[in-house]
Amino acid sequence: MANLLLTKPLDMLLSEASETGEHSLKRVLGPINLIMLGVGAIIGAGIFVLTGSAAARYAGPAIVISYILAGIACAFAGLCYAEFASLIPIAGSAYTYGYATLGEIFAWIIGWDLILEYAFGAATVASGWSSTLIAFLQDYGIRIPPQICDTPGSIWVLFQDRWVPITTLAGKGIDLNVLPHVTAQFNLLAFLAILVVTTILVVGIQESATLNTTIVFVKLFAVVTFIAVAGAYVFHHQPQTRVNLTPFVPVAYGWAGVIRAAGVVFFAYIGFDAVSTAAQEAKNPQRDMPIGILGSLVICTVLYILVSFLLTGTVHYTRLNVGAPVSLAIRETGVKWGSYVVNAGALAGLSTVMLVMLLGQSRVFYSMSRDGLLWKWAGEIHPKFRTPYKSSIVVGLFVAVFAAVVPIGVLGELVSIGTLLAFVIVCAGIWILRVRKPDLHRPFKTPLVPFVPIMGMLVSLLMMVFLPWETWARMVIWLAIGMVIYFTYGRHHSKVQAVHAREVASAK
């Protein structure tokens, strides 16, 4: 059992971080790139996809409070991530931090968990991307067969010359039986979107970051447009707004629903921990990683609170359980040009989230492979592109299939529980490292230790408790599969275990 708790020495980690050459990752990212990577991952799924479903299913208009709770939890965790990312600038994020402080078995659990988080995160966003693309194209009179635009079994109807998910018309007094119906078979659009993003990631990190930064400005413009248009609509339709926002906390859901929704929309914040997976590709990680992590978190929290309030003020929460709720809300305002801008921005926003999620996933794969815990091919670097191309391709294919067949709500909850578990381990790691090595040079120091890491753990655990039991069951099954791989392969090929065995042998 003791061997399972072996930690990876900090000097070994720092040595790996300083590697150069064609078999290492390329250091090309500055602070603006890192902030844009964070914003690229954060602004997208939360605003454009999950806000609507979480409001409809759990919190109603009180989704605003859910976002505030999730943002507070993220602030605690973000401070802990910032210290680790500046101290250990390695691609593995929480996996590497857990390896340095808690031991190999915990590192494996969190690494396997991060694979779930990033893979399903990208799949969730791809599912929302396809719904948004349909809304965008229909603005220009272009129709794509709904059969290839949603997960199997989803029903779409033709209403006012537009194909829409049947759930968008709930509660509007429309006889749905007289409308033309089709049933989706396979989300081909989501499948192809993931393949395109995977290709971009294989070509290179600099190209990916440049594309991401350009698109981020497009989607920020779209978000500001939505705030302006929906804000004006809410102001001029105050009686309707009051109806939409009353009761603020629906009796059927209560405060338990608000907390549960906070756990679900926590997914919307995971971009800042994806920034930490790019630490090995940052020019000056000790200075720039905290800027990228905390800067992107602050920007996005403010925007989330504004958008979630205006979304539920414009459209009654019972109608928001759809793949593109912001697109639905902007159409409700009747401002046609606003619909064009928001749909274009939503497409751009969701595209960058897919990119950053898949970037993070392949980097975790890369780090685990370099440590011997996963197969050697997963850590191989392309000699020209300097990217972990094999893991990017395999992950991309896996995620593309999930995006095409698994419902968006299930995906989002799986990602949330994975993220929360990662946060618990990172916060615990900061506390442990402060006790074990208080004199270690830390380019960025988390304030108020142990208060901040303890609060990060407690808030994250609280939100995990309120997630549906089915989500817990799926995570347990995923971790069980991971344990089989670890005990049959990872433990026997671990470089840390090999070093320990040699030290024990030489001591005899």
Protein backbone atom coordinates (compact mmCIF):
# COMPACT_ATOMS: atom_id res chain seq x y z
CA MET A 1 0.00 0.00 0.00
CA ALA A 2 2.88 2.38 0.81
CA ASN A 3 4.10 2.20 -2.78
CA LEU A 4 0.72 3.46 -3.99
CA LEU A 5 1.32 6.68 -2.04
CA LEU A 6 4.73 7.40 -3.56
CA THR A 7 4.98 11.06 -4.56
CA LYS A 8 6.81 12.40 -7.58
CA PRO A 9 9.81 14.46 -6.38
CA LEU A 10 9.63 18.19 -7.11
CA ASP A 11 13.15 18.19 -8.55
CA MET A 12 12.07 15.57 -11.10
CA LEU A 13 9.04 17.68 -12.04
CA LEU A 14 11.08 20.86 -12.41
CA SER A 15 13.65 19.00 -14.50
CA GLU A 16 10.91 17.85 -16.88
CA ALA A 17 9.54 21.39 -17.03
CA SER A 18 12.89 22.71 -18.28
CA GLU A 19 13.24 20.18 -21.13
CA THR A 20 13.68 21.50 -24.69
CA GLY A 21 14.05 19.93 -28.13
CA GLU A 22 11.86 18.22 -30.67
CA HIS A 23 10.51 15.70 -28.14
CA SER A 24 9.22 18.41 -25.77
CA LEU A 25 6.32 20.83 -25.94
CA LYS A 26 7.01 24.29 -27.41
CA ARG A 27 7.01 27.34 -25.06
CA VAL A 28 5.21 30.03 -27.08
CA LEU A 29 2.29 31.29 -24.92
CA GLY A 30 2.28 34.70 -23.20
CA PRO A 31 -0.14 36.12 -20.57
CA ILE A 32 -2.67 37.37 -23.14
CA ASN A 33 -2.67 33.94 -24.83
CA LEU A 34 -3.30 32.30 -21.44
CA ILE A 35 -6.12 34.67 -20.44
CA MET A 36 -7.68 34.11 -23.86
CA LEU A 37 -7.34 30.33 -23.44
CA GLY A 38 -9.19 30.65 -20.13
CA VAL A 39 -11.90 32.91 -21.54
CA GLY A 40 -12.02 30.66 -24.61
CA ALA A 41 -12.87 27.68 -22.42
CA ILE A 42 -15.06 29.43 -19.85
CA ILE A 43 -17.25 31.66 -22.01
CA GLY A 44 -19.18 29.27 -24.17
CA ALA A 45 -20.63 26.17 -22.59
CA GLY A 46 -21.92 27.91 -19.47
CA ILE A 47 -23.55 30.88 -21.17
CA PHE A 48 -24.55 29.38 -24.49
CA VAL A 49 -25.55 25.85 -23.41
CA LEU A 50 -25.96 24.88 -19.74
CA THR A 51 -27.49 28.05 -18.27
CA GLY A 52 -30.84 27.24 -19.84
CA SER A 53 -31.02 23.56 -18.90
CA ALA A 54 -29.85 24.20 -15.31
CA ALA A 55 -32.46 26.94 -14.87
CA ALA A 56 -35.23 24.78 -16.33
CA ARG A 57 -34.38 21.64 -14.37
CA TYR A 58 -33.08 22.85 -11.01
CA ALA A 59 -33.11 26.54 -10.04
CA GLY A 60 -35.42 28.71 -12.16
CA PRO A 61 -34.47 32.42 -12.08
CA ALA A 62 -32.30 31.69 -9.01
CA ILE A 63 -29.75 30.31 -11.47
CA VAL A 64 -28.10 33.71 -10.85
CA ILE A 65 -27.39 32.66 -7.26
CA SER A 66 -26.14 29.29 -8.51
CA TYR A 67 -23.57 31.07 -10.67
CA ILE A 68 -22.49 33.25 -7.74
CA LEU A 69 -22.01 30.14 -5.54
CA ALA A 70 -20.07 28.37 -8.28
CA GLY A 71 -17.96 31.48 -8.85
CA ILE A 72 -17.06 31.71 -5.14
CA ALA A 73 -16.05 28.06 -5.11
CA CYS A 74 -13.97 28.66 -8.20
CA ALA A 75 -12.23 31.62 -6.58
CA PHE A 76 -10.97 29.39 -3.75
CA ALA A 77 -9.89 26.66 -6.16
CA GLY A 78 -8.47 29.17 -8.67
CA LEU A 79 -6.10 30.63 -6.07
CA CYS A 80 -4.82 27.10 -5.31
CA TYR A 81 -4.41 26.32 -9.01
CA ALA A 82 -2.48 29.58 -9.50
CA GLU A 83 0.08 28.63 -6.84
CA PHE A 84 0.58 25.13 -8.23
CA ALA A 85 0.77 26.29 -11.86
CA SER A 86 3.50 28.83 -11.06
CA LEU A 87 5.37 26.37 -8.82
CA ILE A 88 5.12 23.27 -11.05
CA PRO A 89 4.74 24.45 -14.68
CA ILE A 90 3.92 21.00 -16.09
CA ALA A 91 1.24 20.02 -18.61
CA GLY A 92 -0.67 17.65 -16.31
CA SER A 93 -2.61 20.18 -14.22
CA ALA A 94 -4.32 18.64 -11.15
CA TYR A 95 -2.90 15.22 -12.03
CA THR A 96 0.67 16.49 -11.64
CA TYR A 97 -0.16 18.48 -8.50
CA GLY A 98 -1.72 15.40 -6.90
CA TYR A 99 1.33 13.31 -7.84
CA ALA A 100 3.65 15.80 -6.11
CA THR A 101 1.67 15.95 -2.86
CA LEU A 102 -0.78 13.07 -2.30
CA GLY A 103 0.85 10.12 -4.06
CA GLU A 104 0.58 7.99 -7.17
CA ILE A 105 -2.80 6.37 -6.55
CA PHE A 106 -4.42 9.79 -6.01
CA ALA A 107 -2.61 11.12 -9.07
CA TRP A 108 -4.01 8.26 -11.11
CA ILE A 109 -7.54 8.85 -9.83
CA ILE A 110 -7.44 12.56 -10.64
CA GLY A 111 -5.71 12.01 -13.99
CA TRP A 112 -8.33 9.48 -15.04
CA ASP A 113 -10.99 11.83 -13.71
CA LEU A 114 -9.55 14.73 -15.77
CA ILE A 115 -9.79 12.57 -18.88
CA LEU A 116 -13.51 12.26 -18.11
CA GLU A 117 -13.81 16.00 -17.40
CA TYR A 118 -12.17 17.27 -20.58
CA ALA A 119 -13.45 14.61 -22.95
CA PHE A 120 -17.08 14.95 -21.88
CA GLY A 121 -16.63 18.71 -21.61
CA ALA A 122 -15.74 18.89 -25.28
CA ALA A 123 -18.59 16.50 -26.14
CA THR A 124 -21.11 18.63 -24.21
CA VAL A 125 -20.09 21.75 -26.06
CA ALA A 126 -20.13 20.04 -29.45
CA SER A 127 -23.73 19.02 -28.78
CA GLY A 128 -24.69 22.63 -28.04
CA TRP A 129 -22.63 23.84 -31.02
CA SER A 130 -24.73 21.83 -33.46
CA SER A 131 -28.01 23.30 -32.12
CA THR A 132 -26.57 26.80 -32.37
CA LEU A 133 -25.35 26.18 -35.93
CA ILE A 134 -28.86 25.19 -36.99
CA ALA A 135 -30.32 28.38 -35.47
CA PHE A 136 -27.60 30.45 -37.16
CA LEU A 137 -28.12 28.92 -40.61
CA GLN A 138 -31.91 29.18 -40.39
CA ASP A 139 -31.51 32.92 -39.86
CA TYR A 140 -30.25 32.92 -43.46
CA GLY A 141 -32.88 30.52 -44.80
CA ILE A 142 -30.57 27.47 -44.83
CA ARG A 143 -32.01 24.25 -43.42
CA ILE A 144 -30.05 21.18 -42.36
CA PRO A 145 -32.01 17.95 -41.80
CA PRO A 146 -32.64 17.75 -38.01
CA GLN A 147 -32.04 13.99 -38.16
CA ILE A 148 -28.26 14.65 -38.22
CA CYS A 149 -28.27 17.57 -35.75
CA ASP A 150 -29.09 16.04 -32.36
CA THR A 151 -28.63 12.93 -30.27
CA PRO A 152 -30.70 9.82 -31.12
CA GLY A 153 -34.35 10.03 -30.07
CA SER A 154 -34.56 13.83 -29.81
CA ILE A 155 -37.74 15.18 -31.45
CA TRP A 156 -37.74 18.32 -33.62
CA VAL A 157 -40.79 20.11 -35.06
CA LEU A 158 -41.28 22.59 -37.89
CA PHE A 159 -42.68 25.78 -36.37
CA GLN A 160 -42.96 29.15 -38.17
CA ASP A 161 -40.78 27.80 -40.96
CA ARG A 162 -37.96 26.83 -38.56
CA TRP A 163 -36.90 23.42 -37.25
CA VAL A 164 -36.68 23.61 -33.42
CA PRO A 165 -36.45 21.04 -30.59
CA ILE A 166 -39.94 20.25 -29.37
CA THR A 167 -38.97 21.26 -25.82
CA THR A 168 -38.62 24.91 -26.89
CA LEU A 169 -42.39 25.13 -27.44
CA ALA A 170 -43.44 23.67 -24.10
CA GLY A 171 -45.99 25.77 -22.24
CA LYS A 172 -46.78 28.08 -25.17
CA GLY A 173 -50.30 26.70 -25.80
CA ILE A 174 -49.36 25.28 -29.22
CA ASP A 175 -50.92 22.04 -30.49
CA LEU A 176 -47.70 20.16 -31.17
CA ASN A 177 -49.52 17.21 -32.76
CA VAL A 178 -50.35 19.19 -35.90
CA LEU A 179 -46.74 20.23 -36.54
CA PRO A 180 -44.38 18.18 -38.74
CA HIS A 181 -42.12 15.99 -36.57
CA VAL A 182 -38.76 14.29 -37.13
CA THR A 183 -36.64 12.19 -34.78
CA ALA A 184 -32.88 12.72 -34.67
CA GLN A 185 -30.68 9.72 -35.47
CA PHE A 186 -27.07 10.87 -35.01
CA ASN A 187 -25.47 14.25 -34.30
CA LEU A 188 -23.26 14.35 -37.38
CA LEU A 189 -22.57 18.07 -36.96
CA ALA A 190 -21.10 17.58 -33.49
CA PHE A 191 -19.08 14.62 -34.73
CA LEU A 192 -17.52 16.63 -37.56
CA ALA A 193 -16.89 19.68 -35.35
CA ILE A 194 -14.75 17.61 -32.96
CA LEU A 195 -12.76 16.15 -35.85
CA VAL A 196 -12.00 19.65 -37.23
CA VAL A 197 -10.86 20.92 -33.81
CA THR A 198 -8.69 17.82 -33.36
CA THR A 199 -6.96 18.54 -36.67
CA ILE A 200 -6.20 22.11 -35.58
CA LEU A 201 -4.68 20.86 -32.32
CA VAL A 202 -2.47 18.35 -34.11
CA VAL A 203 -1.06 21.09 -36.38
CA GLY A 204 0.32 23.15 -33.46
CA ILE A 205 -0.19 24.99 -30.16
CA GLN A 206 0.78 28.42 -31.53
CA GLU A 207 -1.70 28.13 -34.39
CA SER A 208 -4.37 26.89 -31.98
CA ALA A 209 -3.75 29.75 -29.52
CA THR A 210 -3.79 32.40 -32.26
CA LEU A 211 -7.06 31.07 -33.66
CA ASN A 212 -8.50 30.90 -30.14
CA THR A 213 -7.58 34.52 -29.33
CA THR A 214 -9.17 35.78 -32.55
CA ILE A 215 -12.40 33.88 -31.95
CA VAL A 216 -12.58 34.94 -28.29
CA PHE A 217 -12.93 38.58 -29.31
CA VAL A 218 -15.80 37.60 -31.62
CA LYS A 219 -17.71 35.83 -28.87
CA LEU A 220 -17.08 38.56 -26.29
CA PHE A 221 -18.66 40.99 -28.73
CA ALA A 222 -21.61 38.61 -29.03
CA VAL A 223 -22.00 38.32 -25.25
CA VAL A 224 -21.94 42.11 -24.83
CA THR A 225 -24.50 42.37 -27.65
CA PHE A 226 -26.81 39.93 -25.85
CA ILE A 227 -26.45 41.88 -22.59
CA ALA A 228 -27.31 45.14 -24.35
CA VAL A 229 -30.27 43.78 -26.37
CA ALA A 230 -31.76 41.61 -23.59
CA GLY A 231 -31.16 44.38 -21.04
CA ALA A 232 -33.14 46.84 -23.17
CA TYR A 233 -35.90 44.24 -23.68
CA VAL A 234 -36.17 43.52 -19.94
CA PHE A 235 -36.26 47.24 -19.14
CA HIS A 236 -39.06 47.94 -21.62
CA HIS A 237 -41.10 44.82 -20.74
CA GLN A 238 -40.99 44.97 -16.96
CA PRO A 239 -44.43 43.36 -16.30
CA GLN A 240 -43.44 40.33 -18.39
CA THR A 241 -40.00 40.27 -16.76
CA ARG A 242 -41.57 40.18 -13.30
CA VAL A 243 -43.73 37.25 -14.36
CA ASN A 244 -40.69 35.40 -15.72
CA LEU A 245 -38.69 36.02 -12.54
CA THR A 246 -41.49 35.09 -10.10
CA PRO A 247 -41.06 33.09 -7.96
CA PHE A 248 -37.32 33.70 -7.96
CA VAL A 249 -36.70 30.35 -6.24
CA PRO A 250 -39.37 27.93 -7.60
CA VAL A 251 -41.16 26.06 -4.81
CA ALA A 252 -40.75 22.75 -6.65
CA TYR A 253 -36.96 23.11 -6.60
CA GLY A 254 -36.21 25.07 -3.42
CA TRP A 255 -32.75 26.02 -2.23
CA ALA A 256 -31.56 22.44 -2.69
CA GLY A 257 -32.23 22.93 -6.40
CA VAL A 258 -30.22 26.15 -6.39
CA ILE A 259 -27.23 24.35 -4.89
CA ARG A 260 -27.67 21.43 -7.28
CA ALA A 261 -27.73 23.87 -10.19
CA ALA A 262 -24.50 25.40 -8.86
CA GLY A 263 -22.93 21.96 -9.11
CA VAL A 264 -24.15 21.58 -12.68
CA VAL A 265 -23.13 25.04 -13.94
CA PHE A 266 -19.76 24.60 -12.26
CA PHE A 267 -18.94 23.05 -15.64
CA ALA A 268 -19.10 26.57 -17.03
CA TYR A 269 -16.03 27.63 -15.04
CA ILE A 270 -13.66 24.79 -15.83
CA GLY A 271 -11.77 26.81 -18.42
CA PHE A 272 -9.41 28.25 -15.83
CA ASP A 273 -8.10 24.82 -14.85
CA ALA A 274 -7.64 24.03 -18.54
CA VAL A 275 -5.21 26.98 -18.62
CA SER A 276 -2.99 25.08 -16.17
CA THR A 277 -2.63 22.21 -18.64
CA ALA A 278 -0.78 24.61 -20.96
CA ALA A 279 1.83 25.49 -18.30
CA GLN A 280 4.55 23.59 -20.15
CA GLU A 281 3.88 25.71 -23.23
CA ALA A 282 3.99 29.10 -21.45
CA LYS A 283 6.98 31.40 -22.01
CA ASN A 284 7.18 32.54 -18.37
CA PRO A 285 4.87 30.22 -16.40
CA GLN A 286 5.92 31.46 -12.94
CA ARG A 287 4.58 34.94 -13.74
CA ASP A 288 1.98 34.30 -16.43
CA MET A 289 0.05 31.25 -15.17
CA PRO A 290 -1.59 33.06 -12.20
CA ILE A 291 -2.48 35.97 -14.52
CA GLY A 292 -4.10 33.61 -17.03
CA ILE A 293 -6.02 31.59 -14.43
CA LEU A 294 -7.31 34.37 -12.18
CA GLY A 295 -7.76 36.98 -14.94
CA SER A 296 -10.00 34.75 -17.05
CA LEU A 297 -12.00 33.70 -13.97
CA VAL A 298 -12.81 37.29 -12.93
CA ILE A 299 -13.85 38.39 -16.45
CA CYS A 300 -16.14 35.43 -16.97
CA THR A 301 -17.84 35.44 -13.55
CA VAL A 302 -19.16 38.97 -14.10
CA LEU A 303 -20.48 38.09 -17.56
CA TYR A 304 -22.16 34.88 -16.30
CA ILE A 305 -24.14 36.70 -13.62
CA LEU A 306 -25.39 39.32 -16.10
CA VAL A 307 -26.32 36.83 -18.81
CA SER A 308 -28.11 34.35 -16.52
CA PHE A 309 -30.27 37.13 -15.03
CA LEU A 310 -31.21 38.55 -18.44
CA LEU A 311 -31.82 35.08 -19.93
CA THR A 312 -34.41 34.12 -17.29
CA GLY A 313 -35.86 37.64 -17.39
CA THR A 314 -36.45 37.40 -21.15
CA VAL A 315 -37.73 33.79 -21.39
CA HIS A 316 -39.60 31.83 -18.72
CA TYR A 317 -37.24 29.27 -17.24
CA THR A 318 -39.54 26.32 -18.08
CA ARG A 319 -38.76 26.83 -21.80
CA LEU A 320 -34.98 26.97 -21.49
CA ASN A 321 -34.09 23.26 -21.46
CA VAL A 322 -32.74 23.39 -25.02
CA GLY A 323 -29.35 23.15 -26.74
CA ALA A 324 -29.20 26.86 -27.62
CA PRO A 325 -31.07 28.87 -24.91
CA VAL A 326 -29.34 32.19 -25.63
CA SER A 327 -30.30 31.90 -29.28
CA LEU A 328 -33.91 31.29 -28.18
CA ALA A 329 -33.86 34.34 -25.88
CA ILE A 330 -32.44 36.74 -28.46
CA ARG A 331 -35.14 35.67 -30.95
CA GLU A 332 -37.73 36.40 -28.26
CA THR A 333 -36.63 40.05 -28.16
CA GLY A 334 -37.49 40.46 -31.86
CA VAL A 335 -34.15 42.19 -32.59
CA LYS A 336 -33.21 40.34 -35.74
CA TRP A 337 -29.69 41.69 -36.14
CA GLY A 338 -29.00 40.81 -32.49
CA SER A 339 -29.97 37.23 -33.25
CA TYR A 340 -27.42 37.10 -36.07
CA VAL A 341 -24.63 38.49 -33.88
CA VAL A 342 -25.40 36.28 -30.87
CA ASN A 343 -25.68 33.10 -32.92
CA ALA A 344 -22.39 33.86 -34.69
CA GLY A 345 -20.75 34.58 -31.33
CA ALA A 346 -22.20 31.44 -29.79
CA LEU A 347 -20.78 29.36 -32.62
CA ALA A 348 -17.40 31.04 -32.16
CA GLY A 349 -17.57 30.65 -28.40
CA LEU A 350 -18.44 26.99 -28.41
CA SER A 351 -15.72 26.33 -31.00
CA THR A 352 -13.01 27.69 -28.68
CA VAL A 353 -14.33 25.69 -25.72
CA MET A 354 -14.01 22.49 -27.74
CA LEU A 355 -10.48 23.50 -28.67
CA VAL A 356 -9.33 24.20 -25.10
CA MET A 357 -11.05 21.13 -23.62
CA LEU A 358 -9.41 18.82 -26.15
CA LEU A 359 -6.10 20.63 -25.64
CA GLY A 360 -6.31 19.95 -21.90
CA GLN A 361 -7.35 16.34 -22.37
CA SER A 362 -4.46 15.46 -24.67
CA ARG A 363 -1.96 17.18 -22.31
CA VAL A 364 -3.16 15.12 -19.35
CA PHE A 365 -2.80 11.99 -21.49
CA TYR A 366 0.70 13.17 -22.42
CA SER A 367 1.76 13.71 -18.79
CA MET A 368 0.40 10.36 -17.60
CA SER A 369 2.15 8.59 -20.46
CA ARG A 370 5.46 10.34 -19.71
CA ASP A 371 5.17 9.02 -16.14
CA GLY A 372 4.59 5.49 -17.44
CA LEU A 373 1.01 5.25 -16.14
CA LEU A 374 -0.50 5.16 -19.63
CA TRP A 375 0.71 3.59 -22.82
CA LYS A 376 3.87 4.97 -24.43
CA TRP A 377 2.14 6.04 -27.67
CA ALA A 378 0.01 8.59 -25.76
CA GLY A 379 3.11 10.65 -24.96
CA GLU A 380 4.71 10.68 -28.38
CA ILE A 381 5.41 14.16 -29.79
CA HIS A 382 5.17 14.94 -33.51
CA PRO A 383 8.72 15.93 -34.67
CA LYS A 384 7.43 18.79 -36.85
CA PHE A 385 4.32 20.08 -35.06
CA ARG A 386 5.67 19.44 -31.51
CA THR A 387 2.23 18.30 -30.30
CA PRO A 388 1.10 14.98 -28.71
CA TYR A 389 -0.54 14.04 -31.98
CA LYS A 390 -1.46 10.40 -31.31
CA SER A 391 -3.28 11.13 -28.07
CA SER A 392 -5.02 14.11 -29.72
CA ILE A 393 -6.31 11.92 -32.56
CA VAL A 394 -7.46 9.02 -30.35
CA VAL A 395 -9.17 11.37 -27.89
CA GLY A 396 -10.77 13.32 -30.74
CA LEU A 397 -12.37 10.21 -32.24
CA PHE A 398 -13.62 9.05 -28.83
CA VAL A 399 -15.12 12.45 -28.00
CA ALA A 400 -16.70 12.81 -31.46
CA VAL A 401 -18.71 9.63 -30.98
CA PHE A 402 -19.89 10.65 -27.49
CA ALA A 403 -20.91 14.09 -28.72
CA ALA A 404 -23.01 12.47 -31.43
CA VAL A 405 -25.00 10.06 -29.26
CA VAL A 406 -25.09 11.13 -25.55
CA PRO A 407 -27.67 13.74 -24.36
CA ILE A 408 -26.23 17.11 -23.34
CA GLY A 409 -27.61 17.11 -19.77
CA VAL A 410 -25.93 13.80 -18.91
CA LEU A 411 -22.61 14.99 -20.34
CA GLY A 412 -22.69 18.28 -18.43
CA GLU A 413 -23.31 16.62 -15.06
CA LEU A 414 -20.47 14.15 -15.60
CA VAL A 415 -18.10 17.00 -16.36
CA SER A 416 -19.18 18.91 -13.25
CA ILE A 417 -18.53 16.04 -10.85
CA GLY A 418 -15.15 15.40 -12.46
CA THR A 419 -14.15 19.04 -12.13
CA LEU A 420 -15.28 19.27 -8.50
CA LEU A 421 -13.23 16.20 -7.58
CA ALA A 422 -10.18 17.75 -9.25
CA PHE A 423 -10.69 20.94 -7.25
CA VAL A 424 -10.87 19.02 -3.97
CA ILE A 425 -7.54 17.32 -4.68
CA VAL A 426 -5.78 20.51 -5.79
CA CYS A 427 -6.93 22.42 -2.70
CA ALA A 428 -5.83 19.54 -0.45
CA GLY A 429 -2.49 19.45 -2.25
CA ILE A 430 -1.76 23.13 -1.52
CA TRP A 431 -2.45 22.65 2.19
CA ILE A 432 -0.29 19.51 2.38
CA LEU A 433 2.62 21.09 0.50
CA ARG A 434 2.56 24.16 2.76
CA VAL A 435 2.91 21.84 5.79
CA ARG A 436 5.58 19.59 4.27
CA LYS A 437 7.67 22.26 2.53
CA PRO A 438 6.86 25.66 4.03
CA ASP A 439 10.14 27.23 2.85
CA LEU A 440 9.73 26.28 -0.82
CA HIS A 441 10.05 29.26 -3.19
CA ARG A 442 6.56 30.03 -4.50
CA PRO A 443 6.31 32.59 -7.34
CA PHE A 444 2.61 32.98 -6.44
CA LYS A 445 1.26 32.24 -2.96
CA THR A 446 -2.35 31.35 -2.19
CA PRO A 447 -3.50 33.77 0.55
CA LEU A 448 -5.06 32.73 3.87
CA VAL A 449 -3.84 29.12 3.93
CA PRO A 450 -5.38 26.86 5.23
CA PHE A 451 -8.69 28.81 5.11
CA VAL A 452 -8.79 29.15 1.30
CA PRO A 453 -7.98 25.49 0.46
CA ILE A 454 -10.34 24.22 3.17
CA MET A 455 -13.17 26.38 1.82
CA GLY A 456 -12.35 25.24 -1.72
CA MET A 457 -12.68 21.62 -0.62
CA LEU A 458 -15.85 22.13 1.43
CA VAL A 459 -17.75 24.10 -1.22
CA SER A 460 -16.74 21.66 -3.96
CA LEU A 461 -17.79 18.65 -1.84
CA LEU A 462 -21.11 20.34 -1.01
CA MET A 463 -21.91 20.78 -4.70
CA MET A 464 -20.89 17.19 -5.42
CA VAL A 465 -23.35 15.96 -2.77
CA PHE A 466 -26.25 17.71 -4.51
CA LEU A 467 -25.56 16.23 -7.94
CA PRO A 468 -27.94 13.42 -9.07
CA TRP A 469 -27.07 9.93 -7.84
CA GLU A 470 -26.93 8.70 -11.45
CA THR A 471 -24.00 11.07 -12.00
CA TRP A 472 -22.19 9.58 -9.02
CA ALA A 473 -22.86 6.07 -10.31
CA ARG A 474 -21.42 6.89 -13.72
CA MET A 475 -18.30 8.40 -12.15
CA VAL A 476 -17.78 5.36 -9.91
CA ILE A 477 -18.01 3.09 -12.96
CA TRP A 478 -15.51 5.29 -14.82
CA LEU A 479 -13.07 5.23 -11.88
CA ALA A 480 -13.46 1.44 -11.57
CA ILE A 481 -12.42 1.07 -15.22
CA GLY A 482 -9.47 3.33 -14.45
CA MET A 483 -8.40 1.19 -11.48
CA VAL A 484 -8.30 -1.89 -13.72
CA ILE A 485 -5.98 -0.09 -16.14
CA TYR A 486 -3.77 1.20 -13.31
CA PHE A 487 -3.29 -2.15 -11.59
CA THR A 488 -2.81 -4.10 -14.83
CA TYR A 489 -0.56 -1.58 -16.63
CA GLY A 490 0.20 1.73 -14.93
CA ARG A 491 1.60 0.42 -11.65
CA HIS A 492 4.01 -1.92 -13.43
CA HIS A 493 5.32 0.75 -15.83
CA SER A 494 5.43 3.70 -13.41
CA LYS A 495 8.74 5.60 -13.59
CA VAL A 496 8.37 6.75 -9.99
CA GLN A 497 7.87 3.12 -8.88
CA ALA A 498 10.94 2.10 -10.89
CA VAL A 499 13.11 4.80 -9.28
CA HIS A 500 11.86 3.76 -5.83
CA ALA A 501 12.65 0.09 -6.53
CA ARG A 502 16.20 0.99 -7.57
CA GLU A 503 16.70 3.07 -4.42
CA VAL A 504 15.47 0.19 -2.23
CA ALA A 505 17.74 -2.29 -4.05
CA SER A 506 20.82 -0.05 -3.71
CA ALA A 507 20.14 0.48 -0.01
CA LYS A 508 20.31 -3.27 0.71
